[in-house]
Amino acid sequence: MAIRIGHKVYVDTVVEFSDEGEIRPLSIEWEDGKKYQITRVKDCVPGASRRAGGAGLVYTCIVDGKEIHLYFEDCPSGAKWFLESKA
């Protein structure tokens, strides 16, 4: 059995900044242009993507009733949001 390694899918993300400096993602736009509302942010912790690599903040979010992990990485080329792809 071959091990399938995922890759990063960078997504446009609409966020809200609180007056305390907290960032809360509100929606994401997938590669095909489809937009998804984030109905709840359950957690935000420092972490890394095991499948696709990269480190930063990991947001555990609810989208369409499903739990997803949305990653925020701040690197020298700029801050980016990504999801892991299984393909």
N, C-alpha and C. Protein backbone atom coordinates (compact mmCIF):
# COMPACT_ATOMS: atom_id res chain seq x y z
N MET A 1 0.85 -1.19 0.00
CA MET A 1 0.00 0.00 0.00
C MET A 1 0.89 1.24 0.00
N ALA A 2 0.63 2.15 -0.90
CA ALA A 2 1.39 3.38 -0.98
C ALA A 2 0.84 4.41 0.00
N ILE A 3 1.74 5.16 0.57
CA ILE A 3 1.33 6.24 1.48
C ILE A 3 1.01 7.46 0.62
N ARG A 4 -0.18 8.00 0.82
CA ARG A 4 -0.58 9.18 0.06
C ARG A 4 -0.25 10.43 0.87
N ILE A 5 0.52 11.28 0.28
CA ILE A 5 0.89 12.53 0.93
C ILE A 5 0.00 13.64 0.37
N GLY A 6 -0.55 14.43 1.25
CA GLY A 6 -1.39 15.54 0.82
C GLY A 6 -0.56 16.75 0.44
N HIS A 7 -1.24 17.76 0.03
CA HIS A 7 -0.57 19.01 -0.30
C HIS A 7 -1.43 20.17 0.21
N LYS A 8 -0.81 21.32 0.24
CA LYS A 8 -1.52 22.52 0.71
C LYS A 8 -2.40 23.06 -0.40
N VAL A 9 -3.60 23.44 -0.02
CA VAL A 9 -4.50 24.15 -0.91
C VAL A 9 -4.71 25.52 -0.27
N TYR A 10 -4.08 26.53 -0.86
CA TYR A 10 -4.22 27.88 -0.33
C TYR A 10 -5.61 28.40 -0.66
N VAL A 11 -6.25 29.01 0.33
CA VAL A 11 -7.62 29.49 0.16
C VAL A 11 -7.72 30.96 0.58
N ASP A 12 -8.55 31.69 -0.17
CA ASP A 12 -8.88 33.05 0.24
C ASP A 12 -9.75 32.93 1.48
N THR A 13 -9.47 33.73 2.48
CA THR A 13 -10.17 33.63 3.75
C THR A 13 -10.61 35.02 4.22
N VAL A 14 -11.88 35.14 4.57
CA VAL A 14 -12.39 36.38 5.14
C VAL A 14 -12.27 36.23 6.65
N VAL A 15 -11.65 37.23 7.29
CA VAL A 15 -11.43 37.15 8.74
C VAL A 15 -11.93 38.41 9.43
N GLU A 16 -12.09 38.26 10.73
CA GLU A 16 -12.49 39.38 11.59
C GLU A 16 -11.40 39.55 12.63
N PHE A 17 -10.99 40.79 12.86
CA PHE A 17 -9.99 41.10 13.87
C PHE A 17 -10.68 41.74 15.07
N SER A 18 -10.42 41.20 16.26
CA SER A 18 -11.00 41.80 17.47
C SER A 18 -10.11 42.96 17.93
N ASP A 19 -10.64 43.77 18.83
CA ASP A 19 -9.84 44.88 19.35
C ASP A 19 -8.70 44.39 20.24
N GLU A 20 -8.72 43.09 20.62
CA GLU A 20 -7.62 42.50 21.39
C GLU A 20 -6.58 41.85 20.47
N GLY A 21 -6.79 41.93 19.15
CA GLY A 21 -5.83 41.38 18.20
C GLY A 21 -6.08 39.93 17.80
N GLU A 22 -7.20 39.35 18.25
CA GLU A 22 -7.52 37.99 17.87
C GLU A 22 -8.06 37.95 16.44
N ILE A 23 -7.73 36.88 15.72
CA ILE A 23 -8.19 36.69 14.35
C ILE A 23 -9.21 35.56 14.34
N ARG A 24 -10.38 35.83 13.72
CA ARG A 24 -11.42 34.80 13.61
C ARG A 24 -11.81 34.65 12.15
N PRO A 25 -11.52 33.47 11.56
CA PRO A 25 -11.94 33.26 10.18
C PRO A 25 -13.46 33.15 10.07
N LEU A 26 -14.04 33.78 9.04
CA LEU A 26 -15.49 33.80 8.84
C LEU A 26 -15.93 32.95 7.65
N SER A 27 -15.11 32.92 6.59
CA SER A 27 -15.45 32.12 5.41
C SER A 27 -14.18 31.82 4.63
N ILE A 28 -14.28 30.78 3.78
CA ILE A 28 -13.17 30.41 2.91
C ILE A 28 -13.69 30.24 1.49
N GLU A 29 -12.78 30.39 0.53
CA GLU A 29 -13.12 30.16 -0.87
C GLU A 29 -12.21 29.07 -1.42
N TRP A 30 -12.81 27.96 -1.86
CA TRP A 30 -12.07 26.80 -2.37
C TRP A 30 -11.50 27.10 -3.75
N GLU A 31 -10.64 26.23 -4.26
CA GLU A 31 -9.98 26.41 -5.55
C GLU A 31 -10.95 26.67 -6.70
N ASP A 32 -12.12 26.04 -6.66
CA ASP A 32 -13.09 26.19 -7.75
C ASP A 32 -13.95 27.44 -7.63
N GLY A 33 -13.68 28.27 -6.60
CA GLY A 33 -14.42 29.51 -6.42
C GLY A 33 -15.61 29.40 -5.49
N LYS A 34 -15.94 28.19 -5.06
CA LYS A 34 -17.07 28.00 -4.15
C LYS A 34 -16.71 28.54 -2.77
N LYS A 35 -17.66 29.30 -2.19
CA LYS A 35 -17.44 29.90 -0.87
C LYS A 35 -18.17 29.11 0.20
N TYR A 36 -17.51 28.99 1.35
CA TYR A 36 -18.07 28.25 2.49
C TYR A 36 -18.02 29.13 3.74
N GLN A 37 -19.16 29.20 4.42
CA GLN A 37 -19.23 29.94 5.67
C GLN A 37 -18.69 29.08 6.82
N ILE A 38 -17.93 29.68 7.68
CA ILE A 38 -17.46 29.01 8.89
C ILE A 38 -18.49 29.34 9.97
N THR A 39 -19.21 28.34 10.42
CA THR A 39 -20.28 28.59 11.39
C THR A 39 -19.78 28.63 12.82
N ARG A 40 -18.61 28.05 13.05
CA ARG A 40 -18.08 28.04 14.42
C ARG A 40 -16.58 27.79 14.39
N VAL A 41 -15.85 28.49 15.24
CA VAL A 41 -14.43 28.20 15.46
C VAL A 41 -14.34 27.55 16.83
N LYS A 42 -13.97 26.27 16.85
CA LYS A 42 -13.92 25.52 18.09
C LYS A 42 -12.63 25.74 18.87
N ASP A 43 -11.53 25.96 18.14
CA ASP A 43 -10.24 26.04 18.81
C ASP A 43 -9.22 26.70 17.89
N CYS A 44 -8.19 27.25 18.47
CA CYS A 44 -7.06 27.80 17.73
C CYS A 44 -5.81 27.54 18.55
N VAL A 45 -4.90 26.73 18.01
CA VAL A 45 -3.68 26.37 18.73
C VAL A 45 -2.49 26.40 17.77
N PRO A 46 -1.29 26.63 18.30
CA PRO A 46 -0.11 26.49 17.44
C PRO A 46 0.02 25.03 17.01
N GLY A 47 0.42 24.80 15.78
CA GLY A 47 0.56 23.42 15.31
C GLY A 47 1.12 23.35 13.92
N ALA A 48 1.19 22.12 13.41
CA ALA A 48 1.74 21.88 12.08
C ALA A 48 0.83 20.93 11.31
N SER A 49 0.90 21.01 10.00
CA SER A 49 0.18 20.10 9.13
C SER A 49 1.01 18.83 8.97
N ARG A 50 0.48 17.70 9.36
CA ARG A 50 1.20 16.43 9.23
C ARG A 50 1.24 15.95 7.79
N ARG A 51 0.20 16.21 7.03
CA ARG A 51 0.11 15.72 5.65
C ARG A 51 0.85 16.62 4.66
N ALA A 52 0.71 17.92 4.84
CA ALA A 52 1.20 18.84 3.81
C ALA A 52 2.42 19.65 4.24
N GLY A 53 2.80 19.58 5.50
CA GLY A 53 3.91 20.39 5.98
C GLY A 53 3.46 21.81 6.28
N GLY A 54 4.31 22.54 6.93
CA GLY A 54 3.99 23.91 7.30
C GLY A 54 3.54 23.99 8.74
N ALA A 55 3.83 25.11 9.37
CA ALA A 55 3.47 25.31 10.77
C ALA A 55 2.92 26.71 10.96
N GLY A 56 2.18 26.88 12.03
CA GLY A 56 1.57 28.17 12.35
C GLY A 56 0.44 27.95 13.32
N LEU A 57 -0.70 28.56 13.05
CA LEU A 57 -1.88 28.37 13.88
C LEU A 57 -2.84 27.42 13.18
N VAL A 58 -3.43 26.53 13.96
CA VAL A 58 -4.41 25.59 13.43
C VAL A 58 -5.77 25.95 14.01
N TYR A 59 -6.69 26.33 13.14
CA TYR A 59 -8.05 26.66 13.55
C TYR A 59 -8.93 25.44 13.29
N THR A 60 -9.59 24.95 14.34
CA THR A 60 -10.56 23.87 14.18
C THR A 60 -11.91 24.54 14.00
N CYS A 61 -12.49 24.35 12.80
CA CYS A 61 -13.70 25.07 12.42
C CYS A 61 -14.81 24.11 12.02
N ILE A 62 -16.03 24.61 12.08
CA ILE A 62 -17.19 23.86 11.58
C ILE A 62 -17.66 24.54 10.29
N VAL A 63 -17.68 23.74 9.21
CA VAL A 63 -18.14 24.19 7.90
C VAL A 63 -19.12 23.15 7.38
N ASP A 64 -20.32 23.57 7.06
CA ASP A 64 -21.37 22.64 6.58
C ASP A 64 -21.55 21.45 7.52
N GLY A 65 -21.46 21.70 8.82
CA GLY A 65 -21.67 20.65 9.82
C GLY A 65 -20.49 19.72 10.01
N LYS A 66 -19.38 19.97 9.30
CA LYS A 66 -18.20 19.10 9.41
C LYS A 66 -17.04 19.86 10.02
N GLU A 67 -16.23 19.14 10.77
CA GLU A 67 -15.05 19.74 11.38
C GLU A 67 -13.89 19.74 10.38
N ILE A 68 -13.26 20.90 10.22
CA ILE A 68 -12.09 21.02 9.35
C ILE A 68 -10.96 21.68 10.13
N HIS A 69 -9.76 21.54 9.60
CA HIS A 69 -8.61 22.24 10.15
C HIS A 69 -8.13 23.25 9.12
N LEU A 70 -8.17 24.51 9.49
CA LEU A 70 -7.74 25.61 8.65
C LEU A 70 -6.43 26.13 9.22
N TYR A 71 -5.40 26.17 8.40
CA TYR A 71 -4.06 26.54 8.85
C TYR A 71 -3.72 27.96 8.44
N PHE A 72 -3.10 28.69 9.37
CA PHE A 72 -2.62 30.04 9.10
C PHE A 72 -1.12 30.02 9.29
N GLU A 73 -0.39 30.21 8.20
CA GLU A 73 1.07 30.24 8.30
C GLU A 73 1.58 31.63 7.96
N ASP A 74 2.48 32.10 8.78
CA ASP A 74 3.08 33.41 8.58
C ASP A 74 4.55 33.16 8.23
N CYS A 75 4.88 33.30 6.95
CA CYS A 75 6.23 33.00 6.50
C CYS A 75 6.82 34.25 5.84
N PRO A 76 8.12 34.22 5.52
CA PRO A 76 8.76 35.41 4.93
C PRO A 76 8.07 35.93 3.67
N SER A 77 7.44 35.04 2.90
CA SER A 77 6.76 35.50 1.68
C SER A 77 5.38 36.08 1.95
N GLY A 78 4.92 36.00 3.20
CA GLY A 78 3.63 36.57 3.57
C GLY A 78 2.75 35.58 4.30
N ALA A 79 1.71 36.08 4.92
CA ALA A 79 0.77 35.23 5.66
C ALA A 79 -0.20 34.59 4.68
N LYS A 80 -0.44 33.27 4.88
CA LYS A 80 -1.34 32.54 3.99
C LYS A 80 -2.20 31.58 4.79
N TRP A 81 -3.39 31.31 4.27
CA TRP A 81 -4.31 30.33 4.83
C TRP A 81 -4.34 29.12 3.92
N PHE A 82 -4.34 27.91 4.49
CA PHE A 82 -4.45 26.73 3.66
C PHE A 82 -5.21 25.60 4.35
N LEU A 83 -5.69 24.69 3.52
CA LEU A 83 -6.32 23.44 3.96
C LEU A 83 -5.45 22.30 3.41
N GLU A 84 -5.55 21.14 4.03
CA GLU A 84 -4.85 19.97 3.52
C GLU A 84 -5.70 19.27 2.48
N SER A 85 -5.09 18.88 1.38
CA SER A 85 -5.77 18.08 0.38
C SER A 85 -5.28 16.65 0.53
N LYS A 86 -6.17 15.69 0.40
CA LYS A 86 -5.79 14.29 0.55
C LYS A 86 -5.20 13.71 -0.73
N ALA A 87 -5.41 14.39 -1.84
CA ALA A 87 -4.93 13.87 -3.14
C ALA A 87 -3.45 14.11 -3.32
